[in-house]
PDB file of N, CA and C in Angstrom:
ATOM      1  N   MET A   1      78.120 -31.051 -79.409  1.00  0.00           N
ATOM      2  CA  MET A   1      77.587 -29.712 -79.405  1.00  0.00           C
ATOM      3  C   MET A   1      78.619 -28.710 -78.892  1.00  0.00           C
ATOM      4  N   VAL A   2      79.343 -29.071 -77.846  1.00  0.00           N
ATOM      5  CA  VAL A   2      80.365 -28.178 -77.308  1.00  0.00           C
ATOM      6  C   VAL A   2      81.469 -27.978 -78.336  1.00  0.00           C
ATOM      7  N   ARG A   3      81.816 -29.053 -79.019  1.00  0.00           N
ATOM      8  CA  ARG A   3      82.846 -28.967 -80.062  1.00  0.00           C
ATOM      9  C   ARG A   3      82.406 -28.020 -81.181  1.00  0.00           C
ATOM     10  N   ARG A   4      81.152 -28.137 -81.569  1.00  0.00           N
ATOM     11  CA  ARG A   4      80.617 -27.266 -82.627  1.00  0.00           C
ATOM     12  C   ARG A   4      80.649 -25.799 -82.194  1.00  0.00           C
ATOM     13  N   LEU A   5      80.304 -25.515 -80.931  1.00  0.00           N
ATOM     14  CA  LEU A   5      80.360 -24.142 -80.427  1.00  0.00           C
ATOM     15  C   LEU A   5      81.796 -23.624 -80.393  1.00  0.00           C
ATOM     16  N   LEU A   6      82.745 -24.484 -80.024  1.00  0.00           N
ATOM     17  CA  LEU A   6      84.149 -24.085 -80.013  1.00  0.00           C
ATOM     18  C   LEU A   6      84.638 -23.761 -81.424  1.00  0.00           C
ATOM     19  N   TYR A   7      84.310 -24.621 -82.386  1.00  0.00           N
ATOM     20  CA  TYR A   7      84.676 -24.351 -83.776  1.00  0.00           C
ATOM     21  C   TYR A   7      84.032 -23.057 -84.273  1.00  0.00           C
ATOM     22  N   SER A   8      82.777 -22.888 -83.933  1.00  0.00           N
ATOM     23  CA  SER A   8      82.061 -21.679 -84.328  1.00  0.00           C
ATOM     24  C   SER A   8      82.738 -20.437 -83.750  1.00  0.00           C
ATOM     25  N   TRP A   9      83.158 -20.525 -82.505  1.00  0.00           N
ATOM     26  CA  TRP A   9      83.833 -19.414 -81.853  1.00  0.00           C
ATOM     27  C   TRP A   9      85.128 -19.059 -82.581  1.00  0.00           C
ATOM     28  N   ILE A  10      85.937 -20.052 -82.882  1.00  0.00           N
ATOM     29  CA  ILE A  10      87.213 -19.819 -83.567  1.00  0.00           C
ATOM     30  C   ILE A  10      86.984 -19.220 -84.950  1.00  0.00           C
ATOM     31  N   VAL A  11      86.054 -19.793 -85.684  1.00  0.00           N
ATOM     32  CA  VAL A  11      85.764 -19.307 -87.036  1.00  0.00           C
ATOM     33  C   VAL A  11      85.189 -17.892 -86.984  1.00  0.00           C
ATOM     34  N   ASN A  12      84.318 -17.620 -86.023  1.00  0.00           N
ATOM     35  CA  ASN A  12      83.736 -16.282 -85.907  1.00  0.00           C
ATOM     36  C   ASN A  12      84.782 -15.233 -85.556  1.00  0.00           C
ATOM     37  N   VAL A  13      85.716 -15.578 -84.678  1.00  0.00           N
ATOM     38  CA  VAL A  13      86.797 -14.629 -84.362  1.00  0.00           C
ATOM     39  C   VAL A  13      87.584 -14.307 -85.623  1.00  0.00           C
ATOM     40  N   ALA A  14      87.932 -15.323 -86.382  1.00  0.00           N
ATOM     41  CA  ALA A  14      88.677 -15.098 -87.622  1.00  0.00           C
ATOM     42  C   ALA A  14      87.853 -14.280 -88.617  1.00  0.00           C
ATOM     43  N   ALA A  15      86.577 -14.591 -88.766  1.00  0.00           N
ATOM     44  CA  ALA A  15      85.726 -13.896 -89.732  1.00  0.00           C
ATOM     45  C   ALA A  15      85.511 -12.433 -89.347  1.00  0.00           C
ATOM     46  N   ILE A  16      85.301 -12.175 -88.069  1.00  0.00           N
ATOM     47  CA  ILE A  16      85.109 -10.795 -87.619  1.00  0.00           C
ATOM     48  C   ILE A  16      86.403 -10.005 -87.773  1.00  0.00           C
ATOM     49  N   TRP A  17      87.535 -10.650 -87.524  1.00  0.00           N
ATOM     50  CA  TRP A  17      88.819  -9.974 -87.715  1.00  0.00           C
ATOM     51  C   TRP A  17      89.015  -9.610 -89.188  1.00  0.00           C
ATOM     52  N   VAL A  18      88.730 -10.540 -90.087  1.00  0.00           N
ATOM     53  CA  VAL A  18      88.856 -10.258 -91.525  1.00  0.00           C
ATOM     54  C   VAL A  18      87.921  -9.120 -91.919  1.00  0.00           C
ATOM     55  N   ALA A  19      86.696  -9.143 -91.418  1.00  0.00           N
ATOM     56  CA  ALA A  19      85.750  -8.064 -91.725  1.00  0.00           C
ATOM     57  C   ALA A  19      86.264  -6.727 -91.221  1.00  0.00           C
ATOM     58  N   SER A  20      86.889  -6.717 -90.040  1.00  0.00           N
ATOM     59  CA  SER A  20      87.407  -5.449 -89.502  1.00  0.00           C
ATOM     60  C   SER A  20      88.599  -4.944 -90.309  1.00  0.00           C
ATOM     61  N   VAL A  21      89.326  -5.844 -90.934  1.00  0.00           N
ATOM     62  CA  VAL A  21      90.457  -5.437 -91.779  1.00  0.00           C
ATOM     63  C   VAL A  21      89.955  -4.799 -93.073  1.00  0.00           C
ATOM     64  N   PHE A  22      88.923  -5.380 -93.680  1.00  0.00           N
ATOM     65  CA  PHE A  22      88.468  -4.928 -94.993  1.00  0.00           C
ATOM     66  C   PHE A  22      87.350  -3.892 -94.966  1.00  0.00           C
ATOM     67  N   VAL A  23      86.621  -3.776 -93.866  1.00  0.00           N
ATOM     68  CA  VAL A  23      85.514  -2.822 -93.788  1.00  0.00           C
ATOM     69  C   VAL A  23      85.880  -1.750 -92.768  1.00  0.00           C
ATOM     70  N   ASP A  24      85.934  -0.508 -93.234  1.00  0.00           N
ATOM     71  CA  ASP A  24      86.345   0.595 -92.362  1.00  0.00           C
ATOM     72  C   ASP A  24      85.424   0.803 -91.173  1.00  0.00           C
ATOM     73  N   GLY A  25      84.156   0.545 -91.313  1.00  0.00           N
ATOM     74  CA  GLY A  25      83.202   0.827 -90.249  1.00  0.00           C
ATOM     75  C   GLY A  25      83.054  -0.257 -89.200  1.00  0.00           C
ATOM     76  N   VAL A  26      83.845  -1.314 -89.269  1.00  0.00           N
ATOM     77  CA  VAL A  26      83.801  -2.389 -88.277  1.00  0.00           C
ATOM     78  C   VAL A  26      85.063  -2.286 -87.429  1.00  0.00           C
ATOM     79  N   ASP A  27      84.858  -2.115 -86.119  1.00  0.00           N
ATOM     80  CA  ASP A  27      86.000  -1.853 -85.248  1.00  0.00           C
ATOM     81  C   ASP A  27      85.857  -2.619 -83.935  1.00  0.00           C
ATOM     82  N   TYR A  28      86.940  -3.219 -83.509  1.00  0.00           N
ATOM     83  CA  TYR A  28      86.958  -3.899 -82.211  1.00  0.00           C
ATOM     84  C   TYR A  28      87.949  -3.232 -81.260  1.00  0.00           C
ATOM     85  N   SER A  29      88.249  -1.975 -81.482  1.00  0.00           N
ATOM     86  CA  SER A  29      89.097  -1.137 -80.636  1.00  0.00           C
ATOM     87  C   SER A  29      90.537  -1.637 -80.565  1.00  0.00           C
ATOM     88  N   GLU A  30      90.950  -2.439 -81.531  1.00  0.00           N
ATOM     89  CA  GLU A  30      92.306  -3.002 -81.567  1.00  0.00           C
ATOM     90  C   GLU A  30      92.657  -3.749 -80.284  1.00  0.00           C
ATOM     91  N   ASP A  31      91.655  -4.215 -79.581  1.00  0.00           N
ATOM     92  CA  ASP A  31      91.833  -4.996 -78.358  1.00  0.00           C
ATOM     93  C   ASP A  31      91.418  -6.430 -78.673  1.00  0.00           C
ATOM     94  N   TYR A  32      92.378  -7.334 -78.660  1.00  0.00           N
ATOM     95  CA  TYR A  32      92.084  -8.708 -79.059  1.00  0.00           C
ATOM     96  C   TYR A  32      91.125  -9.416 -78.108  1.00  0.00           C
ATOM     97  N   TRP A  33      91.051  -8.979 -76.854  1.00  0.00           N
ATOM     98  CA  TRP A  33      90.069  -9.563 -75.936  1.00  0.00           C
ATOM     99  C   TRP A  33      88.654  -9.200 -76.384  1.00  0.00           C
ATOM    100  N   VAL A  34      88.481  -7.985 -76.880  1.00  0.00           N
ATOM    101  CA  VAL A  34      87.167  -7.592 -77.407  1.00  0.00           C
ATOM    102  C   VAL A  34      86.816  -8.467 -78.611  1.00  0.00           C
ATOM    103  N   LEU A  35      87.804  -8.729 -79.458  1.00  0.00           N
ATOM    104  CA  LEU A  35      87.584  -9.580 -80.629  1.00  0.00           C
ATOM    105  C   LEU A  35      87.202 -11.004 -80.203  1.00  0.00           C
ATOM    106  N   ILE A  36      87.881 -11.535 -79.216  1.00  0.00           N
ATOM    107  CA  ILE A  36      87.592 -12.892 -78.737  1.00  0.00           C
ATOM    108  C   ILE A  36      86.201 -12.957 -78.113  1.00  0.00           C
ATOM    109  N   VAL A  37      85.849 -11.965 -77.295  1.00  0.00           N
ATOM    110  CA  VAL A  37      84.515 -11.925 -76.691  1.00  0.00           C
ATOM    111  C   VAL A  37      83.448 -11.735 -77.768  1.00  0.00           C
ATOM    112  N   THR A  38      83.739 -10.900 -78.766  1.00  0.00           N
ATOM    113  CA  THR A  38      82.795 -10.679 -79.860  1.00  0.00           C
ATOM    114  C   THR A  38      82.522 -11.978 -80.613  1.00  0.00           C
ATOM    115  N   GLY A  39      83.558 -12.744 -80.891  1.00  0.00           N
ATOM    116  CA  GLY A  39      83.373 -14.035 -81.557  1.00  0.00           C
ATOM    117  C   GLY A  39      82.529 -14.982 -80.742  1.00  0.00           C
ATOM    118  N   LEU A  40      82.742 -14.995 -79.430  1.00  0.00           N
ATOM    119  CA  LEU A  40      81.953 -15.851 -78.542  1.00  0.00           C
ATOM    120  C   LEU A  40      80.490 -15.419 -78.514  1.00  0.00           C
ATOM    121  N   VAL A  41      80.271 -14.125 -78.336  1.00  0.00           N
ATOM    122  CA  VAL A  41      78.897 -13.608 -78.270  1.00  0.00           C
ATOM    123  C   VAL A  41      78.189 -13.813 -79.610  1.00  0.00           C
ATOM    124  N   PHE A  42      78.888 -13.576 -80.708  1.00  0.00           N
ATOM    125  CA  PHE A  42      78.290 -13.771 -82.032  1.00  0.00           C
ATOM    126  C   PHE A  42      77.879 -15.235 -82.222  1.00  0.00           C
ATOM    127  N   GLY A  43      78.724 -16.153 -81.791  1.00  0.00           N
ATOM    128  CA  GLY A  43      78.380 -17.570 -81.868  1.00  0.00           C
ATOM    129  C   GLY A  43      77.175 -17.916 -81.016  1.00  0.00           C
ATOM    130  N   LEU A  44      77.124 -17.373 -79.808  1.00  0.00           N
ATOM    131  CA  LEU A  44      75.991 -17.639 -78.918  1.00  0.00           C
ATOM    132  C   LEU A  44      74.700 -17.021 -79.441  1.00  0.00           C
ATOM    133  N   VAL A  45      74.793 -15.808 -79.983  1.00  0.00           N
ATOM    134  CA  VAL A  45      73.607 -15.159 -80.563  1.00  0.00           C
ATOM    135  C   VAL A  45      73.091 -15.989 -81.746  1.00  0.00           C
ATOM    136  N   ASN A  46      74.011 -16.461 -82.574  1.00  0.00           N
ATOM    137  CA  ASN A  46      73.601 -17.295 -83.706  1.00  0.00           C
ATOM    138  C   ASN A  46      73.011 -18.622 -83.241  1.00  0.00           C
ATOM    139  N   PHE A  47      73.509 -19.151 -82.141  1.00  0.00           N
ATOM    140  CA  PHE A  47      73.040 -20.433 -81.626  1.00  0.00           C
ATOM    141  C   PHE A  47      71.704 -20.314 -80.901  1.00  0.00           C
ATOM    142  N   LEU A  48      71.506 -19.227 -80.152  1.00  0.00           N
ATOM    143  CA  LEU A  48      70.325 -19.097 -79.317  1.00  0.00           C
ATOM    144  C   LEU A  48      69.207 -18.258 -79.926  1.00  0.00           C
ATOM    145  N   VAL A  49      69.558 -17.134 -80.536  1.00  0.00           N
ATOM    146  CA  VAL A  49      68.550 -16.182 -81.011  1.00  0.00           C
ATOM    147  C   VAL A  49      68.154 -16.439 -82.465  1.00  0.00           C
ATOM    148  N   LYS A  50      69.120 -16.761 -83.295  1.00  0.00           N
ATOM    149  CA  LYS A  50      68.860 -16.898 -84.728  1.00  0.00           C
ATOM    150  C   LYS A  50      67.781 -17.928 -85.073  1.00  0.00           C
ATOM    151  N   PRO A  51      67.748 -19.103 -84.431  1.00  0.00           N
ATOM    152  CA  PRO A  51      66.674 -20.060 -84.772  1.00  0.00           C
ATOM    153  C   PRO A  51      65.268 -19.519 -84.477  1.00  0.00           C
ATOM    154  N   ILE A  52      65.144 -18.748 -83.410  1.00  0.00           N
ATOM    155  CA  ILE A  52      63.840 -18.168 -83.060  1.00  0.00           C
ATOM    156  C   ILE A  52      63.428 -17.137 -84.109  1.00  0.00           C
ATOM    157  N   ILE A  53      64.369 -16.274 -84.488  1.00  0.00           N
ATOM    158  CA  ILE A  53      64.089 -15.253 -85.508  1.00  0.00           C
ATOM    159  C   ILE A  53      63.758 -15.912 -86.840  1.00  0.00           C
ATOM    160  N   LYS A  54      64.489 -16.957 -87.200  1.00  0.00           N
ATOM    161  CA  LYS A  54      64.211 -17.659 -88.453  1.00  0.00           C
ATOM    162  C   LYS A  54      62.818 -18.288 -88.452  1.00  0.00           C
ATOM    163  N   LEU A  55      62.428 -18.841 -87.322  1.00  0.00           N
ATOM    164  CA  LEU A  55      61.098 -19.433 -87.225  1.00  0.00           C
ATOM    165  C   LEU A  55      60.017 -18.364 -87.367  1.00  0.00           C
ATOM    166  N   LEU A  56      60.203 -17.234 -86.701  1.00  0.00           N
ATOM    167  CA  LEU A  56      59.227 -16.153 -86.790  1.00  0.00           C
ATOM    168  C   LEU A  56      59.180 -15.545 -88.190  1.00  0.00           C
ATOM    169  N   ALA A  57      60.318 -15.534 -88.877  1.00  0.00           N
ATOM    170  CA  ALA A  57      60.396 -14.922 -90.209  1.00  0.00           C
ATOM    171  C   ALA A  57      60.174 -15.922 -91.334  1.00  0.00           C
ATOM    172  N   LEU A  58      59.804 -17.134 -90.998  1.00  0.00           N
ATOM    173  CA  LEU A  58      59.660 -18.180 -92.020  1.00  0.00           C
ATOM    174  C   LEU A  58      58.773 -17.787 -93.202  1.00  0.00           C
ATOM    175  N   PRO A  59      57.621 -17.167 -92.974  1.00  0.00           N
ATOM    176  CA  PRO A  59      56.823 -16.755 -94.145  1.00  0.00           C
ATOM    177  C   PRO A  59      57.576 -15.768 -95.057  1.00  0.00           C
ATOM    178  N   LEU A  60      58.288 -14.816 -94.456  1.00  0.00           N
ATOM    179  CA  LEU A  60      59.065 -13.868 -95.265  1.00  0.00           C
ATOM    180  C   LEU A  60      60.214 -14.556 -95.982  1.00  0.00           C
ATOM    181  N   ILE A  61      60.826 -15.519 -95.322  1.00  0.00           N
ATOM    182  CA  ILE A  61      61.927 -16.258 -95.952  1.00  0.00           C
ATOM    183  C   ILE A  61      61.418 -16.983 -97.184  1.00  0.00           C
ATOM    184  N   VAL A  62      60.253 -17.596 -97.072  1.00  0.00           N
ATOM    185  CA  VAL A  62      59.677 -18.322 -98.210  1.00  0.00           C
ATOM    186  C   VAL A  62      59.285 -17.357 -99.330  1.00  0.00           C
ATOM    187  N   ILE A  63      58.630 -16.261 -98.977  1.00  0.00           N
ATOM    188  CA  ILE A  63      58.172 -15.294 -99.984  1.00  0.00           C
ATOM    189  C   ILE A  63      59.338 -14.674-100.740  1.00  0.00           C
ATOM    190  N   THR A  64      60.445 -14.401-100.042  1.00  0.00           N
ATOM    191  CA  THR A  64      61.596 -13.731-100.676  1.00  0.00           C
ATOM    192  C   THR A  64      62.642 -14.720-101.172  1.00  0.00           C
ATOM    193  N   PHE A  65      62.306 -16.009-101.169  1.00  0.00           N
ATOM    194  CA  PHE A  65      63.230 -17.055-101.616  1.00  0.00           C
ATOM    195  C   PHE A  65      64.555 -17.020-100.848  1.00  0.00           C
ATOM    196  N   GLY A  66      64.507 -16.701 -99.581  1.00  0.00           N
ATOM    197  CA  GLY A  66      65.684 -16.754 -98.727  1.00  0.00           C
ATOM    198  C   GLY A  66      66.466 -15.473 -98.574  1.00  0.00           C
ATOM    199  N   ILE A  67      66.098 -14.428 -99.281  1.00  0.00           N
ATOM    200  CA  ILE A  67      66.840 -13.165 -99.196  1.00  0.00           C
ATOM    201  C   ILE A  67      66.791 -12.597 -97.776  1.00  0.00           C
ATOM    202  N   VAL A  68      65.704 -12.831 -97.080  1.00  0.00           N
ATOM    203  CA  VAL A  68      65.558 -12.331 -95.710  1.00  0.00           C
ATOM    204  C   VAL A  68      66.618 -12.945 -94.781  1.00  0.00           C
ATOM    205  N   LEU A  69      67.119 -14.124 -95.125  1.00  0.00           N
ATOM    206  CA  LEU A  69      68.164 -14.748 -94.301  1.00  0.00           C
ATOM    207  C   LEU A  69      69.404 -13.864 -94.192  1.00  0.00           C
ATOM    208  N   PHE A  70      69.736 -13.152 -95.260  1.00  0.00           N
ATOM    209  CA  PHE A  70      70.871 -12.229 -95.218  1.00  0.00           C
ATOM    210  C   PHE A  70      70.631 -11.149 -94.162  1.00  0.00           C
ATOM    211  N   PHE A  71      69.427 -10.612 -94.124  1.00  0.00           N
ATOM    212  CA  PHE A  71      69.121  -9.558 -93.164  1.00  0.00           C
ATOM    213  C   PHE A  71      69.019 -10.096 -91.739  1.00  0.00           C
ATOM    214  N   ILE A  72      68.669 -11.361 -91.597  1.00  0.00           N
ATOM    215  CA  ILE A  72      68.704 -11.983 -90.274  1.00  0.00           C
ATOM    216  C   ILE A  72      70.150 -12.088 -89.802  1.00  0.00           C
ATOM    217  N   ASN A  73      71.059 -12.463 -90.703  1.00  0.00           N
ATOM    218  CA  ASN A  73      72.484 -12.502 -90.351  1.00  0.00           C
ATOM    219  C   ASN A  73      72.987 -11.109 -89.972  1.00  0.00           C
ATOM    220  N   LEU A  74      72.555 -10.109 -90.697  1.00  0.00           N
ATOM    221  CA  LEU A  74      72.916  -8.724 -90.382  1.00  0.00           C
ATOM    222  C   LEU A  74      72.391  -8.341 -88.998  1.00  0.00           C
ATOM    223  N   LEU A  75      71.171  -8.734 -88.691  1.00  0.00           N
ATOM    224  CA  LEU A  75      70.597  -8.456 -87.374  1.00  0.00           C
ATOM    225  C   LEU A  75      71.404  -9.134 -86.263  1.00  0.00           C
ATOM    226  N   MET A  76      71.860 -10.360 -86.498  1.00  0.00           N
ATOM    227  CA  MET A  76      72.667 -11.062 -85.490  1.00  0.00           C
ATOM    228  C   MET A  76      73.980 -10.313 -85.238  1.00  0.00           C
ATOM    229  N   LEU A  77      74.543  -9.745 -86.285  1.00  0.00           N
ATOM    230  CA  LEU A  77      75.766  -8.962 -86.132  1.00  0.00           C
ATOM    231  C   LEU A  77      75.500  -7.684 -85.338  1.00  0.00           C
ATOM    232  N   TYR A  78      74.384  -7.032 -85.606  1.00  0.00           N
ATOM    233  CA  TYR A  78      74.027  -5.824 -84.853  1.00  0.00           C
ATOM    234  C   TYR A  78      73.699  -6.149 -83.392  1.00  0.00           C
ATOM    235  N   ILE A  79      73.027  -7.248 -83.147  1.00  0.00           N
ATOM    236  CA  ILE A  79      72.765  -7.648 -81.760  1.00  0.00           C
ATOM    237  C   ILE A  79      74.082  -7.858 -81.026  1.00  0.00           C
ATOM    238  N   THR A  80      75.038  -8.478 -81.696  1.00  0.00           N
ATOM    239  CA  THR A  80      76.360  -8.683 -81.100  1.00  0.00           C
ATOM    240  C   THR A  80      77.024  -7.349 -80.787  1.00  0.00           C
ATOM    241  N   SER A  81      76.907  -6.392 -81.693  1.00  0.00           N
ATOM    242  CA  SER A  81      77.532  -5.082 -81.446  1.00  0.00           C
ATOM    243  C   SER A  81      76.851  -4.335 -80.301  1.00  0.00           C
ATOM    244  N   TRP A  82      75.561  -4.591 -80.102  1.00  0.00           N
ATOM    245  CA  TRP A  82      74.852  -3.960 -78.979  1.00  0.00           C
ATOM    246  C   TRP A  82      75.271  -4.584 -77.651  1.00  0.00           C
ATOM    247  N   ILE A  83      75.580  -5.875 -77.663  1.00  0.00           N
ATOM    248  CA  ILE A  83      75.944  -6.573 -76.430  1.00  0.00           C
ATOM    249  C   ILE A  83      77.393  -6.300 -76.031  1.00  0.00           C
ATOM    250  N   VAL A  84      78.297  -6.334 -76.989  1.00  0.00           N
ATOM    251  CA  VAL A  84      79.735  -6.235 -76.691  1.00  0.00           C
ATOM    252  C   VAL A  84      80.187  -4.788 -76.797  1.00  0.00           C
ATOM    253  N   SER A  85      80.581  -4.218 -75.669  1.00  0.00           N
ATOM    254  CA  SER A  85      81.125  -2.862 -75.732  1.00  0.00           C
ATOM    255  C   SER A  85      82.547  -2.953 -76.289  1.00  0.00           C
ATOM    256  N   GLY A  86      82.870  -2.043 -77.167  1.00  0.00           N
ATOM    257  CA  GLY A  86      84.164  -2.070 -77.836  1.00  0.00           C
ATOM    258  C   GLY A  86      84.074  -2.591 -79.255  1.00  0.00           C
ATOM    259  N   PHE A  87      82.998  -3.299 -79.577  1.00  0.00           N
ATOM    260  CA  PHE A  87      82.771  -3.754 -80.948  1.00  0.00           C
ATOM    261  C   PHE A  87      81.733  -2.839 -81.567  1.00  0.00           C
ATOM    262  N   GLU A  88      82.108  -2.163 -82.639  1.00  0.00           N
ATOM    263  CA  GLU A  88      81.240  -1.148 -83.234  1.00  0.00           C
ATOM    264  C   GLU A  88      81.053  -1.383 -84.732  1.00  0.00           C
ATOM    265  N   ILE A  89      79.856  -1.107 -85.181  1.00  0.00           N
ATOM    266  CA  ILE A  89      79.547  -1.054 -86.614  1.00  0.00           C
ATOM    267  C   ILE A  89      79.045   0.360 -86.852  1.00  0.00           C
ATOM    268  N   SER A  90      79.798   1.130 -87.637  1.00  0.00           N
ATOM    269  CA  SER A  90      79.518   2.563 -87.730  1.00  0.00           C
ATOM    270  C   SER A  90      78.380   2.935 -88.675  1.00  0.00           C
ATOM    271  N   SER A  91      78.076   2.094 -89.649  1.00  0.00           N
ATOM    272  CA  SER A  91      77.006   2.436 -90.583  1.00  0.00           C
ATOM    273  C   SER A  91      76.324   1.174 -91.094  1.00  0.00           C
ATOM    274  N   PHE A  92      75.177   1.366 -91.694  1.00  0.00           N
ATOM    275  CA  PHE A  92      74.425   0.241 -92.236  1.00  0.00           C
ATOM    276  C   PHE A  92      75.199  -0.447 -93.353  1.00  0.00           C
ATOM    277  N   MET A  93      75.848   0.345 -94.210  1.00  0.00           N
ATOM    278  CA  MET A  93      76.641  -0.240 -95.303  1.00  0.00           C
ATOM    279  C   MET A  93      77.820  -1.038 -94.763  1.00  0.00           C
ATOM    280  N   SER A  94      78.416  -0.556 -93.692  1.00  0.00           N
ATOM    281  CA  SER A  94      79.506  -1.317 -93.062  1.00  0.00           C
ATOM    282  C   SER A  94      78.977  -2.651 -92.546  1.00  0.00           C
ATOM    283  N   GLY A  95      77.792  -2.630 -91.977  1.00  0.00           N
ATOM    284  CA  GLY A  95      77.175  -3.857 -91.505  1.00  0.00           C
ATOM    285  C   GLY A  95      76.883  -4.827 -92.635  1.00  0.00           C
ATOM    286  N   ILE A  96      76.408  -4.298 -93.752  1.00  0.00           N
ATOM    287  CA  ILE A  96      76.126  -5.145 -94.917  1.00  0.00           C
ATOM    288  C   ILE A  96      77.395  -5.810 -95.428  1.00  0.00           C
ATOM    289  N   TRP A  97      78.454  -5.012 -95.626  1.00  0.00           N
ATOM    290  CA  TRP A  97      79.715  -5.571 -96.121  1.00  0.00           C
ATOM    291  C   TRP A  97      80.331  -6.533 -95.116  1.00  0.00           C
ATOM    292  N   ALA A  98      80.229  -6.212 -93.835  1.00  0.00           N
ATOM    293  CA  ALA A  98      80.753  -7.113 -92.809  1.00  0.00           C
ATOM    294  C   ALA A  98      80.000  -8.443 -92.826  1.00  0.00           C
ATOM    295  N   THR A  99      78.698  -8.397 -93.022  1.00  0.00           N
ATOM    296  CA  THR A  99      77.896  -9.616 -93.091  1.00  0.00           C
ATOM    297  C   THR A  99      78.315 -10.474 -94.278  1.00  0.00           C
ATOM    298  N   VAL A 100      78.550  -9.846 -95.414  1.00  0.00           N
ATOM    299  CA  VAL A 100      79.001 -10.575 -96.607  1.00  0.00           C
ATOM    300  C   VAL A 100      80.355 -11.237 -96.340  1.00  0.00           C
ATOM    301  N   ILE A 101      81.289 -10.474 -95.777  1.00  0.00           N
ATOM    302  CA  ILE A 101      82.632 -11.003 -95.531  1.00  0.00           C
ATOM    303  C   ILE A 101      82.601 -12.105 -94.481  1.00  0.00           C
ATOM    304  N   ILE A 102      81.854 -11.898 -93.402  1.00  0.00           N
ATOM    305  CA  ILE A 102      81.775 -12.910 -92.345  1.00  0.00           C
ATOM    306  C   ILE A 102      81.169 -14.203 -92.891  1.00  0.00           C
ATOM    307  N   ALA A 103      80.139 -14.091 -93.696  1.00  0.00           N
ATOM    308  CA  ALA A 103      79.522 -15.281 -94.292  1.00  0.00           C
ATOM    309  C   ALA A 103      80.520 -15.999 -95.204  1.00  0.00           C
ATOM    310  N   ALA A 104      81.257 -15.236 -96.005  1.00  0.00           N
ATOM    311  CA  ALA A 104      82.233 -15.841 -96.919  1.00  0.00           C
ATOM    312  C   ALA A 104      83.359 -16.530 -96.151  1.00  0.00           C
ATOM    313  N   VAL A 105      83.890 -15.865 -95.148  1.00  0.00           N
ATOM    314  CA  VAL A 105      84.975 -16.461 -94.356  1.00  0.00           C
ATOM    315  C   VAL A 105      84.475 -17.692 -93.613  1.00  0.00           C
ATOM    316  N   ASN A 106      83.279 -17.618 -93.052  1.00  0.00           N
ATOM    317  CA  ASN A 106      82.696 -18.785 -92.381  1.00  0.00           C
ATOM    318  C   ASN A 106      82.556 -19.953 -93.350  1.00  0.00           C
ATOM    319  N   TRP A 107      82.069 -19.680 -94.534  1.00  0.00           N
ATOM    320  CA  TRP A 107      81.883 -20.733 -95.528  1.00  0.00           C
ATOM    321  C   TRP A 107      83.224 -21.360 -95.915  1.00  0.00           C
ATOM    322  N   VAL A 108      84.224 -20.506 -96.184  1.00  0.00           N
ATOM    323  CA  VAL A 108      85.538 -21.006 -96.603  1.00  0.00           C
ATOM    324  C   VAL A 108      86.183 -21.833 -95.488  1.00  0.00           C
ATOM    325  N   LEU A 109      86.233 -21.296 -94.283  1.00  0.00           N
ATOM    326  CA  LEU A 109      86.890 -22.013 -93.189  1.00  0.00           C
ATOM    327  C   LEU A 109      86.163 -23.310 -92.832  1.00  0.00           C
ATOM    328  N   THR A 110      84.839 -23.268 -92.856  1.00  0.00           N
ATOM    329  CA  THR A 110      84.081 -24.476 -92.557  1.00  0.00           C
ATOM    330  C   THR A 110      84.293 -25.533 -93.639  1.00  0.00           C
ATOM    331  N   SER A 111      84.385 -25.098 -94.890  1.00  0.00           N
ATOM    332  CA  SER A 111      84.614 -26.037 -95.991  1.00  0.00           C
ATOM    333  C   SER A 111      86.030 -26.609 -95.958  1.00  0.00           C
ATOM    334  N   VAL A 112      87.007 -25.759 -95.736  1.00  0.00           N
ATOM    335  CA  VAL A 112      88.402 -26.196 -95.761  1.00  0.00           C
ATOM    336  C   VAL A 112      88.715 -27.123 -94.591  1.00  0.00           C
ATOM    337  N   PHE A 113      88.258 -26.764 -93.394  1.00  0.00           N
ATOM    338  CA  PHE A 113      88.596 -27.548 -92.211  1.00  0.00           C
ATOM    339  C   PHE A 113      87.526 -28.566 -91.837  1.00  0.00           C
ATOM    340  N   ASP A 114      86.454 -28.633 -92.604  1.00  0.00           N
ATOM    341  CA  ASP A 114      85.391 -29.621 -92.408  1.00  0.00           C
ATOM    342  C   ASP A 114      84.894 -29.632 -90.975  1.00  0.00           C
ATOM    343  N   PHE A 115      84.473 -28.452 -90.487  1.00  0.00           N
ATOM    344  CA  PHE A 115      83.981 -28.287 -89.121  1.00  0.00           C
ATOM    345  C   PHE A 115      82.536 -28.732 -88.944  1.00  0.00           C
ATOM    346  N   ASP A 116      81.855 -29.015 -90.006  1.00  0.00           N
ATOM    347  CA  ASP A 116      80.431 -29.306 -89.925  1.00  0.00           C
ATOM    348  C   ASP A 116      80.208 -30.719 -89.398  1.00  0.00           C
ATOM    349  N   GLU A 117      79.819 -30.825 -88.118  1.00  0.00           N
ATOM    350  CA  GLU A 117      79.586 -32.131 -87.499  1.00  0.00           C
ATOM    351  C   GLU A 117      78.255 -32.741 -87.923  1.00  0.00           C
ATOM    352  N   ARG A 118      77.366 -31.951 -88.491  1.00  0.00           N
ATOM    353  CA  ARG A 118      76.044 -32.460 -88.853  1.00  0.00           C
ATOM    354  C   ARG A 118      76.123 -33.507 -89.951  1.00  0.00           C
ATOM    355  N   ARG A 119      77.183 -33.476 -90.752  1.00  0.00           N
ATOM    356  CA  ARG A 119      77.306 -34.437 -91.832  1.00  0.00           C
ATOM    357  C   ARG A 119      77.861 -35.781 -91.358  1.00  0.00           C
ATOM    358  N   ARG A 120      78.312 -35.859 -90.137  1.00  0.00           N
ATOM    359  CA  ARG A 120      78.917 -37.101 -89.633  1.00  0.00           C
ATOM    360  C   ARG A 120      77.884 -38.014 -89.041  1.00  0.00           C
TER     361      ARG A 120
END
């Protein structure tokens, strides 16, 4: 479990950095410590809060065939921005694009480096 959180932290830092490069409204104040803390907090929010939100939203997830999961990911990103000072999402569209990029980078890095311990 600790290993999975460490991998998640590293991947999240990379994904948030990529999102900040490509999306104008995502900013970590050019302070790499803010980026590192943001990756940690994002991983913890996804680990602790996301399962509860998914359970509560289960009927909506089923009705929308999973589309609500995207908005849950967006909410996790906004919760992270509320917790970490220095990490900002300037608009809803920036949040949407950042969520898409973070999900894509997470998927690519997890696939390439085979970080998923659940399959072992």
